[in-house]
C-alpha cells in the first residue's frame, strides 16, 4: 500500500480499504483453520473468529465498494488468486509453494489498488483505459501514470513472491537443491530485466543494483544456513531472517521511490 501512496498519493478511502483488507486476511486465516481442523470441538472454538472476521470483512468491503465502486474491477485478478489459495487449503496444502505464491501475489497487487484510489479510478479497468496527467513517471519520463505504476507493481510482486521459495529454502525445504536453483534463477532473470530497464532509463539504477543484491542473497543465505545446520546444528532463527528482510523491504521502497 505504501508504494501506491508514494507514486499516486494518499486517498481517505484507504481508511476503509486497509481495515477491510486486513480483515479479509484474518477471514482467510479463520476459514483455513476451520477447513483443516477435523475435531468438532476445535471447529466450534473457531466459529466465533470465523463469524466475526467474515462479517467485518463483508461490511467494510461493501462500504468501500459503495464509496469507490471502480475497485470492483480488481476482483478479476484477485478472485482467481484467492481461489487457488482456497483450493490448496481445502487439499491440506496451505503451506505449499503454490499457496504462498498465490496469496503473496494477491497482497502485492495492493500497491496498484491504492494507486487506483489515489487517482480516483482514472485510467479505466485495471488502468488499461489510458488517461493523461496521472501521477508517477519513470526516471526518463517515458512511462507515466499507469504504465509506470504497473512496472512498479510488477517489481513489487517479483520481490515478495521471490521471498516465498527463498524462505522455504531456509526453513522447511533445507537441502532442496532444485528449489534453490529455481529461486536463484528467478531472481537472476528479474535482475537482468531490471538492469536492462535501468539502462533504458525506465527504472532507477539503485533499484537494479538492489536486485543484484537480492539475487546474491537468494543463493548465499540458504547455503550459509545449510552449512550452519551441517556443522553446528544451530540454524539461523526466523527472527534473524526477518530482520534481514525488513532491511531489504526498506531498501526496496527507497530505491523504487527515488
Protein backbone atom coordinates (compact mmCIF):
# COMPACT_ATOMS: atom_id res chain seq x y z
CA UNK A 1 0.00 0.00 0.00
CA UNK A 2 2.78 2.46 0.85
CA UNK A 3 4.22 2.12 -2.65
CA UNK A 4 0.88 3.09 -4.17
CA UNK A 5 0.71 6.11 -1.87
CA UNK A 6 4.21 7.23 -2.80
CA UNK A 7 3.55 7.03 -6.53
CA UNK A 8 -0.04 8.27 -6.58
CA UNK A 9 -0.80 9.94 -3.27
CA UNK A 10 -2.99 9.10 -0.29
CA UNK A 11 -6.77 8.85 -0.52
CA UNK A 12 -9.01 8.91 2.54
CA UNK A 13 -10.74 5.78 1.18
CA UNK A 14 -7.64 3.89 2.34
CA UNK A 15 -9.06 4.31 5.85
CA UNK A 16 -11.83 1.94 4.74
CA UNK A 17 -9.83 -0.23 2.34
CA UNK A 18 -6.97 -1.19 4.64
CA UNK A 19 -9.13 -2.42 7.55
CA UNK A 20 -11.22 -4.35 5.00
CA UNK A 21 -8.06 -5.87 3.54
CA UNK A 22 -6.66 -6.83 6.94
CA UNK A 23 -9.99 -8.35 7.93
CA UNK A 24 -10.02 -10.27 4.64
CA UNK A 25 -6.69 -11.82 5.58
CA UNK A 26 -7.98 -12.71 9.04
CA UNK A 27 -11.07 -14.21 7.41
CA UNK A 28 -8.85 -16.30 5.15
CA UNK A 29 -6.88 -17.44 8.19
CA UNK A 30 -10.03 -18.36 10.15
CA UNK A 31 -11.54 -20.29 7.24
CA UNK A 32 -8.27 -22.09 6.53
CA UNK A 33 -8.03 -23.17 10.16
CA UNK A 34 -11.66 -24.31 10.13
CA UNK A 35 -11.21 -26.30 6.93
CA UNK A 36 -8.05 -28.06 8.08
CA UNK A 37 -9.46 -28.91 11.54
CA UNK A 38 -11.24 -32.24 11.85
CA UNK A 39 -12.07 -32.03 15.55
CA UNK A 40 -15.70 -30.90 16.16
CA UNK A 41 -14.64 -29.24 19.42
CA UNK A 42 -11.91 -27.17 17.77
CA UNK A 43 -14.25 -26.25 14.93
CA UNK A 44 -16.73 -24.89 17.47
CA UNK A 45 -13.94 -22.79 19.01
CA UNK A 46 -13.15 -21.35 15.58
CA UNK A 47 -16.73 -20.33 14.86
CA UNK A 48 -16.54 -17.04 16.74
CA UNK A 49 -13.46 -15.61 14.95
CA UNK A 50 -14.74 -17.03 11.69
CA UNK A 51 -18.09 -15.26 12.01
CA UNK A 52 -16.62 -12.02 13.37
CA UNK A 53 -13.95 -11.67 10.67
CA UNK A 54 -16.27 -12.73 7.86
CA UNK A 55 -19.00 -10.26 8.85
CA UNK A 56 -16.49 -7.47 9.43
CA UNK A 57 -14.87 -8.06 6.03
CA UNK A 58 -18.26 -8.14 4.30
CA UNK A 59 -19.42 -4.91 5.95
CA UNK A 60 -16.20 -2.96 5.41
CA UNK A 61 -15.83 -4.32 1.89
CA UNK A 62 -19.37 -3.30 0.96
CA UNK A 63 -18.91 0.21 2.35
CA UNK A 64 -15.61 0.57 0.48
CA UNK A 65 -17.22 -0.52 -2.79
CA UNK A 66 -20.14 1.87 -2.29
CA UNK A 67 -17.65 4.73 -1.87
CA UNK A 68 -15.33 3.57 -4.68
CA UNK A 69 -17.27 1.18 -6.97
CA UNK A 70 -14.46 1.14 -9.55
CA UNK A 71 -12.50 -1.07 -7.13
CA UNK A 72 -14.78 -3.96 -8.08
CA UNK A 73 -12.68 -4.44 -11.22
CA UNK A 74 -9.82 -5.69 -9.06
CA UNK A 75 -11.84 -8.81 -8.37
CA UNK A 76 -10.77 -10.04 -11.82
CA UNK A 77 -7.12 -10.69 -10.86
CA UNK A 78 -7.78 -11.25 -7.15
CA UNK A 79 -10.56 -13.84 -7.22
CA UNK A 80 -8.52 -16.46 -9.19
CA UNK A 81 -5.60 -15.99 -6.80
CA UNK A 82 -7.88 -16.42 -3.79
CA UNK A 83 -9.45 -19.47 -5.44
CA UNK A 84 -6.03 -21.11 -5.84
CA UNK A 85 -5.18 -20.40 -2.19
CA UNK A 86 -8.56 -21.73 -1.03
CA UNK A 87 -8.13 -24.89 -3.12
CA UNK A 88 -4.70 -25.52 -1.58
CA UNK A 89 -6.19 -25.08 1.90
CA UNK A 90 -9.02 -27.47 1.06
CA UNK A 91 -6.46 -30.05 -0.10
CA UNK A 92 -4.47 -29.61 3.13
CA UNK A 93 -1.60 -27.83 1.38
CA UNK A 94 -1.95 -24.33 2.82
CA UNK A 95 1.84 -24.12 3.22
CA UNK A 96 2.60 -25.21 -0.32
CA UNK A 97 4.68 -23.11 -2.70
CA UNK A 98 1.64 -22.54 -4.92
CA UNK A 99 -0.47 -21.33 -2.00
CA UNK A 100 2.25 -18.96 -0.83
CA UNK A 101 2.76 -17.53 -4.31
CA UNK A 102 -0.99 -17.02 -4.82
CA UNK A 103 -1.57 -15.17 -1.55
CA UNK A 104 1.62 -13.13 -1.92
CA UNK A 105 0.77 -12.11 -5.48
CA UNK A 106 -2.68 -11.01 -4.29
CA UNK A 107 -1.11 -8.97 -1.49
CA UNK A 108 1.37 -7.39 -3.92
CA UNK A 109 -1.50 -6.04 -6.03
CA UNK A 110 -2.34 -3.72 -3.14
CA UNK A 111 0.21 -1.26 -4.50
CA UNK A 112 -1.83 -0.92 -7.70
CA UNK A 113 -5.14 -0.87 -5.79
CA UNK A 114 -4.06 2.02 -3.56
CA UNK A 115 -2.78 3.84 -6.66
CA UNK A 116 -6.22 3.35 -8.20
CA UNK A 117 -7.72 5.01 -5.13
CA UNK A 118 -5.23 7.86 -5.39
CA UNK A 119 -6.29 8.65 -8.97
CA UNK A 120 -9.98 8.09 -8.27
CA UNK A 121 -10.30 5.20 -10.70
CA UNK A 122 -8.92 7.20 -13.62
CA UNK A 123 -7.45 5.02 -16.33
CA UNK A 124 -10.41 2.67 -16.54
CA UNK A 125 -10.41 -1.08 -15.90
CA UNK A 126 -7.14 -2.01 -14.15
CA UNK A 127 -5.55 1.10 -15.61
CA UNK A 128 -5.81 -0.19 -19.18
CA UNK A 129 -8.11 2.56 -20.45
CA UNK A 130 -5.44 5.22 -20.67
CA UNK A 131 -5.51 8.63 -19.01
CA UNK A 132 -3.17 11.60 -19.20
CA UNK A 133 -1.82 13.68 -16.37
CA UNK A 134 -1.77 10.89 -13.78
CA UNK A 135 0.95 10.99 -11.11
CA UNK A 136 4.14 8.93 -11.32
CA UNK A 137 6.75 8.56 -14.03
CA UNK A 138 9.89 6.60 -14.83
CA UNK A 139 13.28 8.32 -14.44
CA UNK A 140 13.40 9.15 -18.16
CA UNK A 141 9.76 10.20 -18.30
CA UNK A 142 8.90 7.61 -20.96
CA UNK A 143 6.46 5.80 -18.68
CA UNK A 144 3.84 7.82 -16.85
CA UNK A 145 0.71 7.13 -14.86
CA UNK A 146 -0.49 3.54 -15.01
CA UNK A 147 2.31 2.44 -17.36
CA UNK A 148 4.84 3.34 -14.67
CA UNK A 149 2.67 2.01 -11.85
CA UNK A 150 2.41 -1.42 -13.47
CA UNK A 151 6.20 -1.62 -13.76
CA UNK A 152 6.46 -0.74 -10.07
CA UNK A 153 3.76 -3.28 -9.18
CA UNK A 154 5.47 -6.00 -11.22
CA UNK A 155 8.75 -5.40 -9.40
CA UNK A 156 6.91 -5.41 -6.05
CA UNK A 157 5.22 -8.72 -6.85
CA UNK A 158 8.52 -10.19 -8.06
CA UNK A 159 10.24 -9.24 -4.82
CA UNK A 160 7.60 -10.52 -2.42
CA UNK A 161 6.84 -13.66 -4.43
CA UNK A 162 10.57 -14.33 -4.56
CA UNK A 163 10.71 -14.38 -0.78
CA UNK A 164 8.32 -17.36 -0.70
CA UNK A 165 10.68 -20.01 -2.15
CA UNK A 166 13.68 -18.20 -0.66
CA UNK A 167 12.38 -18.51 2.91
CA UNK A 168 11.23 -22.08 2.26
CA UNK A 169 14.79 -22.97 1.23
CA UNK A 170 15.95 -21.60 4.58
CA UNK A 171 13.44 -23.39 6.83
CA UNK A 172 11.04 -26.03 5.52
CA UNK A 173 12.94 -27.01 2.36
CA UNK A 174 16.54 -27.10 3.51
CA UNK A 175 18.86 -29.01 1.19
CA UNK A 176 16.30 -28.85 -1.62
CA UNK A 177 18.75 -28.04 -4.41
CA UNK A 178 16.03 -27.94 -7.05
CA UNK A 179 14.10 -25.27 -5.16
CA UNK A 180 17.29 -23.30 -4.52
CA UNK A 181 18.27 -23.39 -8.19
CA UNK A 182 14.81 -22.24 -9.24
CA UNK A 183 14.81 -19.44 -6.67
CA UNK A 184 18.21 -18.12 -7.73
CA UNK A 185 17.31 -18.41 -11.43
CA UNK A 186 14.08 -16.46 -10.92
CA UNK A 187 15.91 -13.71 -9.04
CA UNK A 188 18.59 -13.60 -11.72
CA UNK A 189 16.03 -13.19 -14.50
CA UNK A 190 14.39 -10.27 -12.69
CA UNK A 191 17.82 -8.75 -12.01
CA UNK A 192 18.67 -8.90 -15.74
CA UNK A 193 15.34 -7.32 -16.67
CA UNK A 194 15.69 -4.54 -14.10
CA UNK A 195 19.26 -3.88 -15.25
CA UNK A 196 18.03 -3.57 -18.84
CA UNK A 197 15.20 -1.25 -17.77
CA UNK A 198 17.61 0.87 -15.74
CA UNK A 199 19.98 1.16 -18.70
CA UNK A 200 17.00 2.37 -20.76
CA UNK A 201 16.14 4.96 -18.11
CA UNK A 202 12.90 3.25 -17.12
CA UNK A 203 14.00 2.21 -13.62
CA UNK A 204 16.28 3.84 -11.05
CA UNK A 205 19.79 2.40 -11.10
CA UNK A 206 19.68 1.89 -7.36
CA UNK A 207 16.75 -0.47 -7.82
CA UNK A 208 18.60 -2.51 -10.41
CA UNK A 209 21.60 -2.78 -8.06
CA UNK A 210 19.27 -3.92 -5.29
CA UNK A 211 18.04 -6.79 -7.47
CA UNK A 212 21.62 -7.94 -7.94
CA UNK A 213 21.98 -7.90 -4.15
CA UNK A 214 18.71 -9.85 -3.81
CA UNK A 215 19.96 -12.44 -6.29
CA UNK A 216 23.21 -12.91 -4.36
CA UNK A 217 21.21 -13.10 -1.11
CA UNK A 218 18.93 -15.80 -2.54
CA UNK A 219 22.00 -18.03 -3.02
CA UNK A 220 24.35 -17.09 -0.20
CA UNK A 221 21.89 -17.04 2.70
CA UNK A 222 20.44 -20.55 2.12
CA UNK A 223 23.91 -22.03 1.58
CA UNK A 224 25.08 -20.40 4.80
CA UNK A 225 22.01 -21.73 6.59
CA UNK A 226 22.66 -25.25 5.30
CA UNK A 227 26.29 -25.04 6.37
CA UNK A 228 25.25 -23.98 9.88
CA UNK A 229 22.85 -26.92 10.11
CA UNK A 230 25.53 -29.36 8.99
CA UNK A 231 28.35 -28.10 11.17
CA UNK A 232 26.76 -26.56 14.26
CA UNK A 233 23.19 -27.87 14.18
CA UNK A 234 22.14 -24.33 15.04
CA UNK A 235 20.47 -22.69 12.04
CA UNK A 236 19.63 -19.03 11.74
CA UNK A 237 16.45 -18.22 13.62
CA UNK A 238 13.38 -16.99 11.73
CA UNK A 239 13.67 -13.70 13.60
CA UNK A 240 17.15 -13.14 12.17
CA UNK A 241 15.86 -13.81 8.66
CA UNK A 242 13.01 -11.41 9.35
CA UNK A 243 15.40 -8.60 10.28
CA UNK A 244 17.28 -9.12 7.00
CA UNK A 245 14.01 -8.93 5.07
CA UNK A 246 12.94 -5.77 6.89
CA UNK A 247 16.19 -4.15 5.68
CA UNK A 248 15.56 -5.43 2.15
CA UNK A 249 11.96 -4.13 2.24
CA UNK A 250 13.12 -0.67 3.26
CA UNK A 251 15.81 -0.71 0.56
CA UNK A 252 13.20 -1.81 -1.99
CA UNK A 253 10.85 1.01 -1.00
CA UNK A 254 13.60 3.62 -1.13
CA UNK A 255 15.15 2.52 -4.44
CA UNK A 256 11.83 2.21 -6.30
CA UNK A 257 10.70 5.60 -4.99
CA UNK A 258 13.77 7.73 -5.72
